[in-house]
Amino acid sequence: MFGRTRAAVIRLVGADGELTTGTLAARLGVSAASASQHATALRGAGLLTSERRGKTVHHALTPLGERFLRGGE
């Protein structure tokens, strides 16, 4: 479930606080569809929240995602 790309999503969102699907895709070097799939899986695991604002979707870490990023502190 947590391969290299999904771990990178957690790190990127954690570092920026919030990222759009398009920004995630660009930073990861993957398609927007792929970035969306990774975000969906992480949202399903309770690590991300996603909010549509107009034409973009913004992703942020949940409190669980923040703990996961810090190594379970």
PDB file of N, CA and C in Angstrom:
ATOM      1  N   MET A   1       0.812  -1.198   0.000  1.00  0.00           N
ATOM      2  CA  MET A   1       0.000   0.000   0.000  1.00  0.00           C
ATOM      3  C   MET A   1       0.856   1.262   0.000  1.00  0.00           C
ATOM      4  N   PHE A   2       1.993   1.252   0.682  1.00  0.00           N
ATOM      5  CA  PHE A   2       2.813   2.449   0.767  1.00  0.00           C
ATOM      6  C   PHE A   2       4.118   2.254   0.030  1.00  0.00           C
ATOM      7  N   GLY A   3       4.014   2.363  -1.274  1.00  0.00           N
ATOM      8  CA  GLY A   3       5.206   2.324  -2.092  1.00  0.00           C
ATOM      9  C   GLY A   3       5.900   3.675  -2.088  1.00  0.00           C
ATOM     10  N   ARG A   4       6.907   3.764  -2.897  1.00  0.00           N
ATOM     11  CA  ARG A   4       7.722   4.976  -2.989  1.00  0.00           C
ATOM     12  C   ARG A   4       6.905   6.212  -3.359  1.00  0.00           C
ATOM     13  N   THR A   5       5.998   6.074  -4.317  1.00  0.00           N
ATOM     14  CA  THR A   5       5.230   7.241  -4.781  1.00  0.00           C
ATOM     15  C   THR A   5       4.266   7.725  -3.711  1.00  0.00           C
ATOM     16  N   ARG A   6       3.589   6.816  -3.041  1.00  0.00           N
ATOM     17  CA  ARG A   6       2.644   7.245  -1.998  1.00  0.00           C
ATOM     18  C   ARG A   6       3.380   7.853  -0.816  1.00  0.00           C
ATOM     19  N   ALA A   7       4.535   7.309  -0.494  1.00  0.00           N
ATOM     20  CA  ALA A   7       5.343   7.921   0.573  1.00  0.00           C
ATOM     21  C   ALA A   7       5.751   9.335   0.161  1.00  0.00           C
ATOM     22  N   ALA A   8       6.084   9.526  -1.116  1.00  0.00           N
ATOM     23  CA  ALA A   8       6.455  10.855  -1.609  1.00  0.00           C
ATOM     24  C   ALA A   8       5.271  11.813  -1.533  1.00  0.00           C
ATOM     25  N   VAL A   9       4.067  11.327  -1.818  1.00  0.00           N
ATOM     26  CA  VAL A   9       2.874  12.174  -1.703  1.00  0.00           C
ATOM     27  C   VAL A   9       2.730  12.678  -0.274  1.00  0.00           C
ATOM     28  N   ILE A  10       2.869  11.783   0.688  1.00  0.00           N
ATOM     29  CA  ILE A  10       2.759  12.165   2.103  1.00  0.00           C
ATOM     30  C   ILE A  10       3.810  13.219   2.450  1.00  0.00           C
ATOM     31  N   ARG A  11       5.052  13.008   2.028  1.00  0.00           N
ATOM     32  CA  ARG A  11       6.126  13.968   2.322  1.00  0.00           C
ATOM     33  C   ARG A  11       5.857  15.323   1.681  1.00  0.00           C
ATOM     34  N   LEU A  12       5.457  15.317   0.405  1.00  0.00           N
ATOM     35  CA  LEU A  12       5.211  16.579  -0.307  1.00  0.00           C
ATOM     36  C   LEU A  12       4.065  17.373   0.311  1.00  0.00           C
ATOM     37  N   VAL A  13       2.967  16.697   0.576  1.00  0.00           N
ATOM     38  CA  VAL A  13       1.818  17.386   1.164  1.00  0.00           C
ATOM     39  C   VAL A  13       2.180  17.870   2.568  1.00  0.00           C
ATOM     40  N   GLY A  14       2.904  17.058   3.313  1.00  0.00           N
ATOM     41  CA  GLY A  14       3.316  17.461   4.652  1.00  0.00           C
ATOM     42  C   GLY A  14       4.225  18.673   4.637  1.00  0.00           C
ATOM     43  N   ALA A  15       5.103  18.754   3.660  1.00  0.00           N
ATOM     44  CA  ALA A  15       6.033  19.883   3.576  1.00  0.00           C
ATOM     45  C   ALA A  15       5.333  21.170   3.173  1.00  0.00           C
ATOM     46  N   ASP A  16       4.325  21.067   2.297  1.00  0.00           N
ATOM     47  CA  ASP A  16       3.643  22.261   1.791  1.00  0.00           C
ATOM     48  C   ASP A  16       2.351  22.580   2.544  1.00  0.00           C
ATOM     49  N   GLY A  17       1.826  21.630   3.270  1.00  0.00           N
ATOM     50  CA  GLY A  17       0.573  21.831   3.981  1.00  0.00           C
ATOM     51  C   GLY A  17      -0.644  21.491   3.155  1.00  0.00           C
ATOM     52  N   GLU A  18      -0.593  21.775   1.872  1.00  0.00           N
ATOM     53  CA  GLU A  18      -1.713  21.503   0.966  1.00  0.00           C
ATOM     54  C   GLU A  18      -1.202  21.586  -0.459  1.00  0.00           C
ATOM     55  N   LEU A  19      -1.592  20.627  -1.286  1.00  0.00           N
ATOM     56  CA  LEU A  19      -1.207  20.641  -2.704  1.00  0.00           C
ATOM     57  C   LEU A  19      -2.386  20.211  -3.559  1.00  0.00           C
ATOM     58  N   THR A  20      -2.431  20.719  -4.776  1.00  0.00           N
ATOM     59  CA  THR A  20      -3.450  20.287  -5.727  1.00  0.00           C
ATOM     60  C   THR A  20      -2.987  19.003  -6.411  1.00  0.00           C
ATOM     61  N   THR A  21      -3.923  18.319  -7.029  1.00  0.00           N
ATOM     62  CA  THR A  21      -3.588  17.108  -7.770  1.00  0.00           C
ATOM     63  C   THR A  21      -2.586  17.423  -8.880  1.00  0.00           C
ATOM     64  N   GLY A  22      -2.784  18.536  -9.572  1.00  0.00           N
ATOM     65  CA  GLY A  22      -1.871  18.917 -10.656  1.00  0.00           C
ATOM     66  C   GLY A  22      -0.464  19.185 -10.160  1.00  0.00           C
ATOM     67  N   THR A  23      -0.343  19.837  -9.013  1.00  0.00           N
ATOM     68  CA  THR A  23       0.973  20.109  -8.450  1.00  0.00           C
ATOM     69  C   THR A  23       1.638  18.814  -8.010  1.00  0.00           C
ATOM     70  N   LEU A  24       0.865  17.931  -7.390  1.00  0.00           N
ATOM     71  CA  LEU A  24       1.415  16.630  -7.014  1.00  0.00           C
ATOM     72  C   LEU A  24       1.937  15.888  -8.235  1.00  0.00           C
ATOM     73  N   ALA A  25       1.139  15.868  -9.290  1.00  0.00           N
ATOM     74  CA  ALA A  25       1.542  15.175 -10.511  1.00  0.00           C
ATOM     75  C   ALA A  25       2.851  15.737 -11.056  1.00  0.00           C
ATOM     76  N   ALA A  26       2.945  17.053 -11.118  1.00  0.00           N
ATOM     77  CA  ALA A  26       4.153  17.686 -11.647  1.00  0.00           C
ATOM     78  C   ALA A  26       5.375  17.368 -10.796  1.00  0.00           C
ATOM     79  N   ARG A  27       5.225  17.446  -9.495  1.00  0.00           N
ATOM     80  CA  ARG A  27       6.362  17.199  -8.594  1.00  0.00           C
ATOM     81  C   ARG A  27       6.776  15.738  -8.570  1.00  0.00           C
ATOM     82  N   LEU A  28       5.809  14.846  -8.755  1.00  0.00           N
ATOM     83  CA  LEU A  28       6.107  13.417  -8.748  1.00  0.00           C
ATOM     84  C   LEU A  28       6.555  12.907 -10.117  1.00  0.00           C
ATOM     85  N   GLY A  29       6.275  13.685 -11.162  1.00  0.00           N
ATOM     86  CA  GLY A  29       6.604  13.238 -12.517  1.00  0.00           C
ATOM     87  C   GLY A  29       5.674  12.143 -13.015  1.00  0.00           C
ATOM     88  N   VAL A  30       4.393  12.221 -12.590  1.00  0.00           N
ATOM     89  CA  VAL A  30       3.385  11.250 -13.022  1.00  0.00           C
ATOM     90  C   VAL A  30       2.218  12.011 -13.635  1.00  0.00           C
ATOM     91  N   SER A  31       1.288  11.282 -14.222  1.00  0.00           N
ATOM     92  CA  SER A  31       0.100  11.918 -14.791  1.00  0.00           C
ATOM     93  C   SER A  31      -0.824  12.389 -13.677  1.00  0.00           C
ATOM     94  N   ALA A  32      -1.723  13.305 -14.016  1.00  0.00           N
ATOM     95  CA  ALA A  32      -2.716  13.770 -13.049  1.00  0.00           C
ATOM     96  C   ALA A  32      -3.605  12.611 -12.603  1.00  0.00           C
ATOM     97  N   ALA A  33      -3.928  11.707 -13.512  1.00  0.00           N
ATOM     98  CA  ALA A  33      -4.754  10.551 -13.156  1.00  0.00           C
ATOM     99  C   ALA A  33      -4.037   9.667 -12.134  1.00  0.00           C
ATOM    100  N   SER A  34      -2.755   9.471 -12.322  1.00  0.00           N
ATOM    101  CA  SER A  34      -1.973   8.667 -11.382  1.00  0.00           C
ATOM    102  C   SER A  34      -1.893   9.351 -10.021  1.00  0.00           C
ATOM    103  N   ALA A  35      -1.639  10.653 -10.016  1.00  0.00           N
ATOM    104  CA  ALA A  35      -1.583  11.398  -8.754  1.00  0.00           C
ATOM    105  C   ALA A  35      -2.925  11.314  -8.041  1.00  0.00           C
ATOM    106  N   SER A  36      -4.016  11.404  -8.785  1.00  0.00           N
ATOM    107  CA  SER A  36      -5.350  11.305  -8.208  1.00  0.00           C
ATOM    108  C   SER A  36      -5.579   9.923  -7.601  1.00  0.00           C
ATOM    109  N   GLN A  37      -5.130   8.876  -8.266  1.00  0.00           N
ATOM    110  CA  GLN A  37      -5.281   7.519  -7.736  1.00  0.00           C
ATOM    111  C   GLN A  37      -4.512   7.353  -6.431  1.00  0.00           C
ATOM    112  N   HIS A  38      -3.303   7.883  -6.371  1.00  0.00           N
ATOM    113  CA  HIS A  38      -2.515   7.797  -5.144  1.00  0.00           C
ATOM    114  C   HIS A  38      -3.203   8.567  -4.017  1.00  0.00           C
ATOM    115  N   ALA A  39      -3.705   9.754  -4.321  1.00  0.00           N
ATOM    116  CA  ALA A  39      -4.406  10.550  -3.317  1.00  0.00           C
ATOM    117  C   ALA A  39      -5.662   9.819  -2.834  1.00  0.00           C
ATOM    118  N   THR A  40      -6.373   9.185  -3.742  1.00  0.00           N
ATOM    119  CA  THR A  40      -7.573   8.436  -3.375  1.00  0.00           C
ATOM    120  C   THR A  40      -7.241   7.305  -2.415  1.00  0.00           C
ATOM    121  N   ALA A  41      -6.178   6.576  -2.695  1.00  0.00           N
ATOM    122  CA  ALA A  41      -5.769   5.481  -1.812  1.00  0.00           C
ATOM    123  C   ALA A  41      -5.369   6.001  -0.438  1.00  0.00           C
ATOM    124  N   LEU A  42      -4.642   7.109  -0.410  1.00  0.00           N
ATOM    125  CA  LEU A  42      -4.217   7.686   0.867  1.00  0.00           C
ATOM    126  C   LEU A  42      -5.395   8.269   1.634  1.00  0.00           C
ATOM    127  N   ARG A  43      -6.359   8.817   0.914  1.00  0.00           N
ATOM    128  CA  ARG A  43      -7.584   9.312   1.551  1.00  0.00           C
ATOM    129  C   ARG A  43      -8.356   8.131   2.141  1.00  0.00           C
ATOM    130  N   GLY A  44      -8.421   7.025   1.417  1.00  0.00           N
ATOM    131  CA  GLY A  44      -9.089   5.821   1.913  1.00  0.00           C
ATOM    132  C   GLY A  44      -8.435   5.255   3.159  1.00  0.00           C
ATOM    133  N   ALA A  45      -7.132   5.457   3.280  1.00  0.00           N
ATOM    134  CA  ALA A  45      -6.393   5.003   4.466  1.00  0.00           C
ATOM    135  C   ALA A  45      -6.498   5.997   5.618  1.00  0.00           C
ATOM    136  N   GLY A  46      -7.170   7.129   5.364  1.00  0.00           N
ATOM    137  CA  GLY A  46      -7.355   8.123   6.407  1.00  0.00           C
ATOM    138  C   GLY A  46      -6.179   9.064   6.592  1.00  0.00           C
ATOM    139  N   LEU A  47      -5.259   9.107   5.623  1.00  0.00           N
ATOM    140  CA  LEU A  47      -4.059   9.924   5.749  1.00  0.00           C
ATOM    141  C   LEU A  47      -4.170  11.285   5.073  1.00  0.00           C
ATOM    142  N   LEU A  48      -5.072  11.413   4.102  1.00  0.00           N
ATOM    143  CA  LEU A  48      -5.276  12.670   3.377  1.00  0.00           C
ATOM    144  C   LEU A  48      -6.746  13.054   3.408  1.00  0.00           C
ATOM    145  N   THR A  49      -6.985  14.352   3.301  1.00  0.00           N
ATOM    146  CA  THR A  49      -8.319  14.858   2.993  1.00  0.00           C
ATOM    147  C   THR A  49      -8.214  15.518   1.626  1.00  0.00           C
ATOM    148  N   SER A  50      -9.305  15.574   0.920  1.00  0.00           N
ATOM    149  CA  SER A  50      -9.332  16.212  -0.397  1.00  0.00           C
ATOM    150  C   SER A  50     -10.565  17.094  -0.478  1.00  0.00           C
ATOM    151  N   GLU A  51     -10.379  18.276  -1.038  1.00  0.00           N
ATOM    152  CA  GLU A  51     -11.479  19.236  -1.156  1.00  0.00           C
ATOM    153  C   GLU A  51     -11.458  19.853  -2.550  1.00  0.00           C
ATOM    154  N   ARG A  52     -12.572  19.751  -3.230  1.00  0.00           N
ATOM    155  CA  ARG A  52     -12.690  20.363  -4.556  1.00  0.00           C
ATOM    156  C   ARG A  52     -12.962  21.844  -4.389  1.00  0.00           C
ATOM    157  N   ARG A  53     -12.195  22.650  -5.111  1.00  0.00           N
ATOM    158  CA  ARG A  53     -12.399  24.100  -5.151  1.00  0.00           C
ATOM    159  C   ARG A  53     -12.388  24.509  -6.616  1.00  0.00           C
ATOM    160  N   GLY A  54     -13.565  24.703  -7.139  1.00  0.00           N
ATOM    161  CA  GLY A  54     -13.665  25.014  -8.565  1.00  0.00           C
ATOM    162  C   GLY A  54     -13.191  23.838  -9.391  1.00  0.00           C
ATOM    163  N   LYS A  55     -12.182  24.074 -10.213  1.00  0.00           N
ATOM    164  CA  LYS A  55     -11.674  23.026 -11.102  1.00  0.00           C
ATOM    165  C   LYS A  55     -10.519  22.230 -10.503  1.00  0.00           C
ATOM    166  N   THR A  56     -10.086  22.579  -9.302  1.00  0.00           N
ATOM    167  CA  THR A  56      -8.947  21.887  -8.704  1.00  0.00           C
ATOM    168  C   THR A  56      -9.356  21.146  -7.434  1.00  0.00           C
ATOM    169  N   VAL A  57      -8.579  20.128  -7.099  1.00  0.00           N
ATOM    170  CA  VAL A  57      -8.771  19.387  -5.860  1.00  0.00           C
ATOM    171  C   VAL A  57      -7.519  19.600  -5.021  1.00  0.00           C
ATOM    172  N   HIS A  58      -7.740  20.029  -3.775  1.00  0.00           N
ATOM    173  CA  HIS A  58      -6.647  20.318  -2.850  1.00  0.00           C
ATOM    174  C   HIS A  58      -6.554  19.196  -1.819  1.00  0.00           C
ATOM    175  N   HIS A  59      -5.330  18.734  -1.573  1.00  0.00           N
ATOM    176  CA  HIS A  59      -5.099  17.633  -0.648  1.00  0.00           C
ATOM    177  C   HIS A  59      -4.293  18.134   0.542  1.00  0.00           C
ATOM    178  N   ALA A  60      -4.658  17.661   1.721  1.00  0.00           N
ATOM    179  CA  ALA A  60      -3.948  18.008   2.956  1.00  0.00           C
ATOM    180  C   ALA A  60      -3.872  16.761   3.829  1.00  0.00           C
ATOM    181  N   LEU A  61      -2.912  16.742   4.738  1.00  0.00           N
ATOM    182  CA  LEU A  61      -2.787  15.617   5.655  1.00  0.00           C
ATOM    183  C   LEU A  61      -3.847  15.699   6.744  1.00  0.00           C
ATOM    184  N   THR A  62      -4.334  14.553   7.151  1.00  0.00           N
ATOM    185  CA  THR A  62      -5.190  14.446   8.330  1.00  0.00           C
ATOM    186  C   THR A  62      -4.264  14.382   9.551  1.00  0.00           C
ATOM    187  N   PRO A  63      -4.814  14.481  10.748  1.00  0.00           N
ATOM    188  CA  PRO A  63      -3.962  14.279  11.933  1.00  0.00           C
ATOM    189  C   PRO A  63      -3.249  12.919  11.903  1.00  0.00           C
ATOM    190  N   LEU A  64      -3.924  11.883  11.429  1.00  0.00           N
ATOM    191  CA  LEU A  64      -3.284  10.573  11.295  1.00  0.00           C
ATOM    192  C   LEU A  64      -2.146  10.637  10.282  1.00  0.00           C
ATOM    193  N   GLY A  65      -2.362  11.329   9.172  1.00  0.00           N
ATOM    194  CA  GLY A  65      -1.313  11.497   8.170  1.00  0.00           C
ATOM    195  C   GLY A  65      -0.109  12.232   8.722  1.00  0.00           C
ATOM    196  N   GLU A  66      -0.357  13.221   9.558  1.00  0.00           N
ATOM    197  CA  GLU A  66       0.745  13.958  10.187  1.00  0.00           C
ATOM    198  C   GLU A  66       1.537  13.052  11.120  1.00  0.00           C
ATOM    199  N   ARG A  67       0.831  12.222  11.904  1.00  0.00           N
ATOM    200  CA  ARG A  67       1.531  11.277  12.783  1.00  0.00           C
ATOM    201  C   ARG A  67       2.324  10.268  11.968  1.00  0.00           C
ATOM    202  N   PHE A  68       1.735   9.786  10.883  1.00  0.00           N
ATOM    203  CA  PHE A  68       2.418   8.841  10.008  1.00  0.00           C
ATOM    204  C   PHE A  68       3.705   9.464   9.458  1.00  0.00           C
ATOM    205  N   LEU A  69       3.615  10.707   9.036  1.00  0.00           N
ATOM    206  CA  LEU A  69       4.776  11.413   8.485  1.00  0.00           C
ATOM    207  C   LEU A  69       5.890  11.553   9.531  1.00  0.00           C
ATOM    208  N   ARG A  70       5.510  11.784  10.772  1.00  0.00           N
ATOM    209  CA  ARG A  70       6.491  11.951  11.853  1.00  0.00           C
ATOM    210  C   ARG A  70       6.966  10.610  12.402  1.00  0.00           C
ATOM    211  N   GLY A  71       6.482   9.529  11.854  1.00  0.00           N
ATOM    212  CA  GLY A  71       6.929   8.217  12.310  1.00  0.00           C
ATOM    213  C   GLY A  71       6.176   7.690  13.513  1.00  0.00           C
ATOM    214  N   GLY A  72       4.931   8.125  13.676  1.00  0.00           N
ATOM    215  CA  GLY A  72       4.088   7.592  14.731  1.00  0.00           C
ATOM    216  C   GLY A  72       4.240   8.256  16.080  1.00  0.00           C
ATOM    217  N   GLU A  73       4.880   9.410  16.115  1.00  0.00           N
ATOM    218  CA  GLU A  73       5.053  10.121  17.396  1.00  0.00           C
ATOM    219  C   GLU A  73       3.731  10.408  18.065  1.00  0.00           C
TER     220      GLU A  73
END
